[in-house]
Amino acid sequence: MLNKQYREQNATMPDAEPNIGITARPLRDLVVGDLRGKVMMLMAAVGVVLLIACGNVASLLLSRAMARRREVAVRAALGASRGAIIGQLLTESLLLAMIAAFFGVALGWGRRGRCRRGAQRKLPQGIPIGVDVRVLLFTLGISLLAGILFGAVPALQLAGVDVNGTLREEGRGASAGQARVKARDLLVVGQVALSLLLLIGAGLLVRSFVRLLAVDPGFEAHQALTMNVSLSTLKYGKPQQQVAFFDEVLRSVAGVPGVRSAAISAAQPLTVMRITPVLPQGQPDVPLAQRPFVVIEAVSPAWFETMRIPLRAGRAFSNTDQGQAAPVVIANETFARQFWPNANPLDQHVTIGRRPVPAQVVGVAADVKNKGLEQDTQGAVVSAFSAIAVGRDEPGAAH
């Protein structure tokens, strides 16, 4: 239904073809991104640690219960029911869990300020960091569940004690029964298994992190400062006004002491702002919607120097490439290999979107990771900054 409505309202757009579908995503997923998966992984690790700790406490409770066998047998001999014994032992376990929950909440409350400051640069804006009613209810629920679940093992062991046999054995100093020893051994085996699972997960995580550190992003991030700037469409509604604003920003930033070079880009590295259909020279002339889509960026002339992105062939942009000059682009290595594997890319042209005049390829830049460190670089073409109508946030970079 959404696809049909879009095609009727935007019949001239390249993505209005029947073979192209529109996929809707929840706004929360767009804002949070892949943070949900990371948080779920962290929660799973915390859950495993909680299970290990609860297993350890259950073992201690079971050992303590073995020392209280005679006490429980005496109570049962005096008329205490099995339910009353289990209730007392579970009450002790729940009290221990509530005390631990109190200290956990107190620790989280005391650390919330540092966590909030540390998360400002890591989490999307608007995500609250703090201890609220939901956190308290979750802590209460998980504490009650842990207290009941792991307090039930020693409670059931003691509640099923044989009064006569236990009193006679305790009087002779006999050791614990075989069933209780098996229960204790089972808890120990469970703790070891969970510990191994956690160690294996941590090892894989560290391995992935080390591999990501070894990935070459294609640019030099050392001593680089980036910033996002959003312009009001009321004051800067025309592309020329936006370009003039950023030209003035470049001149001002370049004059700051300690800045070696400054540049403007429509998107920061590792992210994709725009994609566009292209028709590289030598490819079949097909309708716009059937042409391959590639990443398109717009940068100022000093971008490659500022980000220390090497050029494999040709030249970088110059001031004469902007404005009304003949259109030129710089392709990345992936784009050149994909469409001109056996030809010189500097002799080629590429038609971008609906532009009537093909742009000449004047340079081939080294590949830069444009979809994250964990994904392969996508084919991309780069235009001079003023050649693309400036739209949303326009990041900049300075060295």
Protein backbone atom coordinates (compact mmCIF):
# COMPACT_ATOMS: atom_id res chain seq x y z
CA MET A 1 0.00 0.00 0.00
CA LEU A 2 2.80 2.40 0.89
CA ASN A 3 4.70 1.55 -2.29
CA LYS A 4 1.63 2.12 -4.45
CA GLN A 5 0.86 5.45 -2.83
CA TYR A 6 4.45 6.63 -3.23
CA ARG A 7 4.50 5.69 -6.94
CA GLU A 8 1.26 7.59 -7.55
CA GLN A 9 2.49 10.73 -5.79
CA ASN A 10 6.07 10.64 -7.15
CA ALA A 11 5.69 9.15 -10.60
CA THR A 12 8.77 10.95 -11.98
CA MET A 13 11.17 9.87 -9.26
CA PRO A 14 13.76 7.17 -10.11
CA ASP A 15 12.69 4.99 -7.19
CA ALA A 16 9.02 4.97 -8.27
CA GLU A 17 9.51 1.94 -10.50
CA PRO A 18 7.31 -1.11 -9.70
CA ASN A 19 10.38 -3.31 -9.07
CA ILE A 20 11.65 -0.98 -6.33
CA GLY A 21 10.07 -1.36 -2.90
CA ILE A 22 9.91 0.94 0.10
CA THR A 23 10.66 -0.42 3.54
CA ALA A 24 9.44 1.45 6.62
CA ARG A 25 11.52 1.42 9.78
CA PRO A 26 10.43 2.45 13.28
CA LEU A 27 11.75 5.85 14.30
CA ARG A 28 13.26 4.30 17.43
CA ASP A 29 15.39 1.95 15.34
CA LEU A 30 16.56 4.85 13.18
CA VAL A 31 17.57 6.93 16.21
CA VAL A 32 19.09 4.12 18.23
CA GLY A 33 20.75 2.40 15.26
CA ASP A 34 22.59 -0.79 16.17
CA LEU A 35 22.74 0.19 19.84
CA ARG A 36 19.96 -2.24 20.74
CA GLY A 37 22.02 -5.26 19.73
CA LYS A 38 25.00 -4.05 21.74
CA VAL A 39 22.87 -3.41 24.82
CA MET A 40 21.27 -6.85 24.51
CA MET A 41 24.71 -8.44 24.29
CA LEU A 42 25.77 -6.53 27.40
CA MET A 43 22.60 -7.59 29.20
CA ALA A 44 23.28 -11.23 28.29
CA ALA A 45 26.79 -10.96 29.74
CA VAL A 46 25.40 -9.35 32.90
CA GLY A 47 22.81 -12.13 33.12
CA VAL A 48 25.52 -14.80 32.94
CA VAL A 49 27.48 -13.03 35.68
CA LEU A 50 24.30 -12.88 37.76
CA LEU A 51 23.73 -16.61 37.30
CA ILE A 52 27.32 -17.36 38.35
CA ALA A 53 26.95 -15.19 41.44
CA CYS A 54 23.60 -16.76 42.31
CA GLY A 55 25.06 -20.23 41.85
CA ASN A 56 27.89 -19.32 44.19
CA VAL A 57 25.44 -18.01 46.80
CA ALA A 58 23.30 -21.12 46.39
CA SER A 59 26.36 -23.29 47.07
CA LEU A 60 27.10 -21.30 50.20
CA LEU A 61 23.49 -21.58 51.31
CA LEU A 62 23.56 -25.30 50.67
CA SER A 63 26.75 -25.69 52.72
CA ARG A 64 25.16 -23.65 55.49
CA ALA A 65 22.03 -25.78 55.22
CA MET A 66 24.06 -28.96 55.75
CA ALA A 67 25.33 -27.47 58.98
CA ARG A 68 21.72 -26.79 60.06
CA ARG A 69 20.39 -30.28 59.37
CA ARG A 70 20.20 -31.14 63.05
CA GLU A 71 18.44 -27.84 63.82
CA VAL A 72 15.83 -28.47 61.12
CA ALA A 73 15.39 -32.08 62.23
CA VAL A 74 14.74 -30.92 65.82
CA ARG A 75 12.14 -28.40 64.59
CA ALA A 76 10.46 -31.05 62.48
CA ALA A 77 10.42 -33.40 65.50
CA LEU A 78 8.75 -30.66 67.56
CA GLY A 79 5.94 -30.36 64.99
CA ALA A 80 7.14 -27.83 62.40
CA SER A 81 5.54 -28.53 59.03
CA ARG A 82 7.52 -28.84 55.79
CA GLY A 83 5.88 -25.69 54.42
CA ALA A 84 6.90 -23.70 57.49
CA ILE A 85 10.52 -24.84 57.16
CA ILE A 86 10.63 -23.99 53.45
CA GLY A 87 9.00 -20.61 54.15
CA GLN A 88 11.58 -19.73 56.78
CA LEU A 89 14.51 -20.69 54.58
CA LEU A 90 13.10 -18.84 51.57
CA THR A 91 12.53 -15.78 53.75
CA GLU A 92 16.19 -15.82 54.72
CA SER A 93 17.20 -16.18 51.05
CA LEU A 94 14.89 -13.33 49.96
CA LEU A 95 16.21 -11.10 52.72
CA LEU A 96 19.74 -11.71 51.50
CA ALA A 97 18.65 -10.93 47.91
CA MET A 98 16.93 -7.69 48.98
CA ILE A 99 20.02 -6.53 50.86
CA ALA A 100 22.13 -7.19 47.74
CA ALA A 101 19.57 -5.35 45.57
CA PHE A 102 19.67 -2.35 47.91
CA PHE A 103 23.43 -2.06 47.66
CA GLY A 104 23.25 -2.55 43.88
CA VAL A 105 20.72 0.26 43.46
CA ALA A 106 22.74 2.48 45.78
CA LEU A 107 25.88 1.84 43.71
CA GLY A 108 24.03 2.56 40.47
CA TRP A 109 22.53 5.75 41.91
CA GLY A 110 25.93 6.96 43.00
CA ARG A 111 27.52 6.24 39.60
CA ARG A 112 24.74 7.63 37.40
CA GLY A 113 26.44 11.01 37.02
CA ARG A 114 29.67 9.55 35.65
CA CYS A 115 27.75 7.15 33.40
CA ARG A 116 25.70 10.04 32.02
CA ARG A 117 28.80 12.09 31.26
CA GLY A 118 30.56 9.13 29.66
CA ALA A 119 27.54 8.24 27.50
CA GLN A 120 27.00 11.70 26.04
CA ARG A 121 29.39 10.98 23.18
CA LYS A 122 28.41 7.33 22.75
CA LEU A 123 24.60 7.28 22.82
CA PRO A 124 22.10 9.09 20.60
CA GLN A 125 20.69 12.32 21.98
CA GLY A 126 17.54 11.98 24.05
CA ILE A 127 18.27 8.59 25.61
CA PRO A 128 17.97 9.06 29.40
CA ILE A 129 20.64 7.69 31.71
CA GLY A 130 19.49 7.30 35.29
CA VAL A 131 17.66 5.26 37.91
CA ASP A 132 13.88 5.53 37.62
CA VAL A 133 10.85 3.51 38.65
CA ARG A 134 11.37 1.01 35.83
CA VAL A 135 14.91 0.29 36.98
CA LEU A 136 13.75 -0.15 40.57
CA LEU A 137 10.92 -2.49 39.54
CA PHE A 138 13.25 -4.54 37.34
CA THR A 139 15.80 -4.80 40.17
CA LEU A 140 13.07 -5.81 42.60
CA GLY A 141 11.70 -8.44 40.24
CA ILE A 142 15.06 -10.00 39.35
CA SER A 143 16.10 -10.01 43.01
CA LEU A 144 12.89 -11.77 44.06
CA LEU A 145 13.30 -14.29 41.25
CA ALA A 146 16.94 -14.98 42.14
CA GLY A 147 16.15 -15.27 45.84
CA ILE A 148 13.34 -17.75 45.25
CA LEU A 149 15.08 -19.75 42.52
CA PHE A 150 18.42 -20.23 44.21
CA GLY A 151 17.11 -20.28 47.75
CA ALA A 152 14.76 -23.13 46.87
CA VAL A 153 17.61 -25.62 46.38
CA PRO A 154 18.83 -25.66 50.01
CA ALA A 155 15.27 -25.14 51.27
CA LEU A 156 13.98 -28.26 49.53
CA GLN A 157 17.05 -30.21 50.62
CA LEU A 158 16.46 -29.36 54.27
CA ALA A 159 12.68 -29.72 54.12
CA GLY A 160 13.00 -33.33 52.99
CA VAL A 161 15.30 -34.34 55.82
CA ASP A 162 14.67 -37.67 57.55
CA VAL A 163 14.18 -36.67 61.17
CA ASN A 164 15.09 -39.98 62.85
CA GLY A 165 17.96 -40.79 60.51
CA THR A 166 19.40 -37.28 60.69
CA LEU A 167 19.34 -37.17 64.49
CA ARG A 168 21.08 -40.53 64.69
CA GLU A 169 23.66 -39.60 62.03
CA GLU A 170 24.38 -36.21 63.57
CA GLY A 171 24.81 -37.85 66.91
CA ARG A 172 27.50 -40.12 65.43
CA GLY A 173 29.07 -37.30 63.39
CA ALA A 174 28.12 -38.84 60.00
CA SER A 175 28.72 -36.91 56.82
CA ALA A 176 26.08 -35.37 54.53
CA GLY A 177 23.82 -37.55 52.42
CA GLN A 178 24.60 -38.51 48.85
CA ALA A 179 21.71 -36.43 47.44
CA ARG A 180 23.01 -33.25 49.06
CA VAL A 181 26.52 -33.88 47.79
CA LYS A 182 25.14 -34.32 44.27
CA ALA A 183 23.19 -31.06 44.54
CA ARG A 184 26.30 -29.22 45.63
CA ASP A 185 28.34 -30.76 42.83
CA LEU A 186 25.66 -29.81 40.30
CA LEU A 187 25.83 -26.18 41.38
CA VAL A 188 29.60 -26.18 41.08
CA VAL A 189 29.44 -27.72 37.59
CA GLY A 190 26.87 -25.11 36.57
CA GLN A 191 29.10 -22.28 37.78
CA VAL A 192 32.09 -23.66 35.88
CA ALA A 193 30.02 -24.04 32.69
CA LEU A 194 28.68 -20.49 32.90
CA SER A 195 32.16 -19.15 33.64
CA LEU A 196 33.53 -20.90 30.54
CA LEU A 197 30.66 -19.49 28.46
CA LEU A 198 31.42 -15.99 29.71
CA LEU A 199 35.15 -16.39 29.09
CA ILE A 200 34.55 -17.66 25.55
CA GLY A 201 32.22 -14.74 24.80
CA ALA A 202 34.69 -12.26 26.24
CA GLY A 203 37.51 -13.80 24.21
CA LEU A 204 35.51 -13.55 20.98
CA LEU A 205 34.59 -9.96 21.79
CA VAL A 206 38.21 -9.02 22.42
CA ARG A 207 39.24 -10.78 19.23
CA SER A 208 36.65 -8.84 17.22
CA PHE A 209 37.76 -5.60 18.85
CA VAL A 210 41.41 -6.27 18.03
CA ARG A 211 40.49 -7.05 14.43
CA LEU A 212 38.53 -3.80 14.17
CA LEU A 213 41.51 -1.88 15.52
CA ALA A 214 43.62 -3.40 12.76
CA VAL A 215 41.19 -2.30 10.01
CA ASP A 216 42.48 0.60 7.94
CA PRO A 217 39.59 3.12 7.66
CA GLY A 218 41.30 4.83 4.72
CA PHE A 219 41.83 8.16 6.48
CA GLU A 220 43.87 9.52 9.36
CA ALA A 221 41.78 10.28 12.45
CA HIS A 222 44.70 11.32 14.67
CA GLN A 223 44.45 14.98 15.71
CA ALA A 224 41.31 15.44 13.61
CA LEU A 225 38.29 17.33 14.93
CA THR A 226 34.86 16.93 13.33
CA MET A 227 31.63 18.78 13.94
CA ASN A 228 28.05 18.79 12.61
CA VAL A 229 26.41 22.05 11.61
CA SER A 230 22.69 22.36 10.86
CA LEU A 231 21.47 25.43 8.99
CA SER A 232 18.03 26.96 9.29
CA THR A 233 16.09 26.55 6.04
CA LEU A 234 14.41 29.90 6.68
CA LYS A 235 17.66 31.85 6.67
CA TYR A 236 19.64 29.56 4.37
CA GLY A 237 16.98 28.25 2.03
CA LYS A 238 19.04 28.52 -1.17
CA PRO A 239 22.07 26.35 -1.92
CA GLN A 240 24.15 29.44 -2.71
CA GLN A 241 23.49 30.83 0.78
CA GLN A 242 24.54 27.58 2.37
CA VAL A 243 27.71 27.33 0.30
CA ALA A 244 28.58 30.94 1.16
CA PHE A 245 28.09 30.18 4.87
CA PHE A 246 30.41 27.19 4.82
CA ASP A 247 33.00 29.07 2.79
CA GLU A 248 33.07 31.67 5.55
CA VAL A 249 33.31 28.92 8.17
CA LEU A 250 36.31 27.45 6.35
CA ARG A 251 38.09 30.79 6.23
CA SER A 252 37.46 31.37 9.94
CA VAL A 253 38.52 27.86 11.01
CA ALA A 254 41.62 27.92 8.84
CA GLY A 255 42.72 31.09 10.63
CA VAL A 256 42.59 29.52 14.09
CA PRO A 257 46.10 28.99 15.52
CA GLY A 258 47.12 25.33 15.39
CA VAL A 259 44.80 24.38 12.50
CA ARG A 260 46.87 23.01 9.61
CA SER A 261 43.98 22.51 7.19
CA ALA A 262 40.19 22.56 7.18
CA ALA A 263 37.55 21.13 4.86
CA ILE A 264 33.82 20.63 4.45
CA SER A 265 32.05 17.37 3.65
CA ALA A 266 28.41 16.39 3.29
CA ALA A 267 29.01 13.36 5.53
CA GLN A 268 31.58 12.25 8.05
CA PRO A 269 33.70 9.20 7.30
CA LEU A 270 32.20 5.77 8.08
CA THR A 271 28.69 7.08 7.31
CA VAL A 272 26.57 7.38 4.20
CA MET A 273 24.51 10.52 3.66
CA ARG A 274 23.32 10.10 0.07
CA ILE A 275 23.19 7.51 -2.69
CA THR A 276 22.41 8.17 -6.33
CA PRO A 277 21.89 6.24 -9.58
CA VAL A 278 24.84 6.59 -11.97
CA LEU A 279 25.61 5.68 -15.57
CA PRO A 280 29.36 5.13 -15.96
CA GLN A 281 30.83 5.45 -19.42
CA GLY A 282 30.81 2.14 -21.25
CA GLN A 283 27.79 0.76 -19.39
CA PRO A 284 24.44 0.07 -21.14
CA ASP A 285 22.11 3.08 -21.21
CA VAL A 286 19.23 1.84 -19.07
CA PRO A 287 16.35 3.75 -17.41
CA LEU A 288 17.25 5.80 -14.37
CA ALA A 289 15.69 3.42 -11.84
CA GLN A 290 17.66 0.46 -13.24
CA ARG A 291 21.06 2.12 -13.00
CA PRO A 292 23.42 1.09 -10.18
CA PHE A 293 23.19 3.13 -7.00
CA VAL A 294 26.45 4.33 -5.45
CA VAL A 295 27.43 6.56 -2.57
CA ILE A 296 27.84 10.22 -3.50
CA GLU A 297 29.64 12.81 -1.39
CA ALA A 298 30.38 16.49 -1.72
CA VAL A 299 33.65 17.89 -0.33
CA SER A 300 35.67 21.08 -0.46
CA PRO A 301 39.03 21.09 -2.30
CA ALA A 302 41.15 20.49 0.83
CA TRP A 303 39.17 17.47 2.02
CA PHE A 304 41.63 14.80 0.88
CA GLU A 305 44.55 16.71 2.34
CA THR A 306 42.74 17.34 5.62
CA MET A 307 41.66 13.74 6.12
CA ARG A 308 44.96 12.46 4.67
CA ILE A 309 43.23 10.32 2.07
CA PRO A 310 45.77 9.45 -0.66
CA LEU A 311 44.98 9.83 -4.33
CA ARG A 312 45.88 6.79 -6.42
CA ALA A 313 45.65 8.67 -9.70
CA GLY A 314 44.79 12.09 -11.04
CA ARG A 315 44.33 15.19 -8.92
CA ALA A 316 42.22 16.60 -6.10
CA PHE A 317 39.61 19.32 -6.54
CA SER A 318 40.61 22.92 -7.07
CA ASN A 319 38.69 26.15 -6.60
CA THR A 320 38.00 26.27 -10.34
CA ASP A 321 36.06 23.01 -10.12
CA GLN A 322 33.27 24.62 -8.09
CA GLY A 323 30.43 26.86 -9.13
CA GLN A 324 29.60 26.92 -12.84
CA ALA A 325 32.67 25.03 -14.05
CA ALA A 326 32.40 21.83 -16.09
CA PRO A 327 31.36 18.99 -13.74
CA VAL A 328 34.16 16.80 -12.44
CA VAL A 329 34.19 13.99 -9.90
CA ILE A 330 36.67 11.83 -8.03
CA ALA A 331 35.90 8.11 -7.83
CA ASN A 332 37.10 5.73 -5.17
CA GLU A 333 39.07 2.59 -6.02
CA THR A 334 36.05 0.31 -5.58
CA PHE A 335 34.05 2.31 -8.11
CA ALA A 336 36.92 2.29 -10.61
CA ARG A 337 37.45 -1.48 -10.26
CA GLN A 338 33.74 -2.17 -10.57
CA PHE A 339 33.05 -0.24 -13.78
CA TRP A 340 36.44 0.22 -15.50
CA PRO A 341 38.59 -2.76 -14.50
CA ASN A 342 40.61 -2.70 -17.74
CA ALA A 343 40.53 1.00 -18.59
CA ASN A 344 42.07 4.20 -17.33
CA PRO A 345 39.46 5.81 -15.04
CA LEU A 346 40.85 9.30 -15.80
CA ASP A 347 39.64 8.96 -19.39
CA GLN A 348 36.06 8.17 -18.33
CA HIS A 349 32.87 10.10 -17.63
CA VAL A 350 29.92 9.28 -15.41
CA THR A 351 26.34 10.56 -15.50
CA ILE A 352 25.09 11.27 -11.98
CA GLY A 353 21.36 11.15 -11.29
CA ARG A 354 19.37 13.40 -13.61
CA ARG A 355 22.24 15.71 -14.46
CA PRO A 356 22.23 16.35 -18.20
CA VAL A 357 26.01 16.65 -18.55
CA PRO A 358 28.27 13.71 -17.64
CA ALA A 359 31.01 14.49 -15.14
CA GLN A 360 34.64 13.80 -15.95
CA VAL A 361 36.66 11.64 -13.57
CA VAL A 362 39.72 13.70 -12.65
CA GLY A 363 41.03 11.53 -9.81
CA VAL A 364 40.86 8.15 -8.10
CA ALA A 365 40.99 8.24 -4.30
CA ALA A 366 41.91 5.43 -1.96
CA ASP A 367 39.01 3.51 -0.51
CA VAL A 368 37.53 4.92 2.68
CA LYS A 369 35.26 2.80 4.86
CA ASN A 370 31.89 4.44 4.20
CA LYS A 371 29.53 1.91 5.83
CA GLY A 372 31.38 1.15 9.04
CA LEU A 373 34.60 -0.64 9.85
CA GLU A 374 32.99 -4.07 9.71
CA GLN A 375 31.60 -3.74 6.16
CA ASP A 376 33.26 -3.58 2.76
CA THR A 377 33.70 -0.20 1.13
CA GLN A 378 30.95 0.72 -1.30
CA GLY A 379 31.55 2.33 -4.67
CA ALA A 380 31.47 6.11 -4.36
CA VAL A 381 31.88 9.28 -6.38
CA VAL A 382 32.86 12.60 -4.85
CA SER A 383 31.79 15.98 -6.25
CA ALA A 384 32.97 19.47 -5.48
CA PHE A 385 31.09 20.85 -2.49
CA SER A 386 28.99 23.42 -4.33
CA ALA A 387 28.08 20.94 -7.07
CA ILE A 388 25.45 19.26 -4.87
CA ALA A 389 22.61 21.23 -3.33
CA VAL A 390 23.40 21.31 0.37
CA GLY A 391 20.60 19.81 2.41
CA ARG A 392 20.68 18.40 5.93
CA ASP A 393 23.50 18.38 8.49
CA GLU A 394 26.80 19.28 6.85
CA PRO A 395 29.76 17.89 8.83
CA GLY A 396 33.15 19.49 8.64
CA ALA A 397 36.64 18.40 9.62
CA ALA A 398 39.80 20.19 10.65
CA HIS A 399 43.36 19.18 11.41
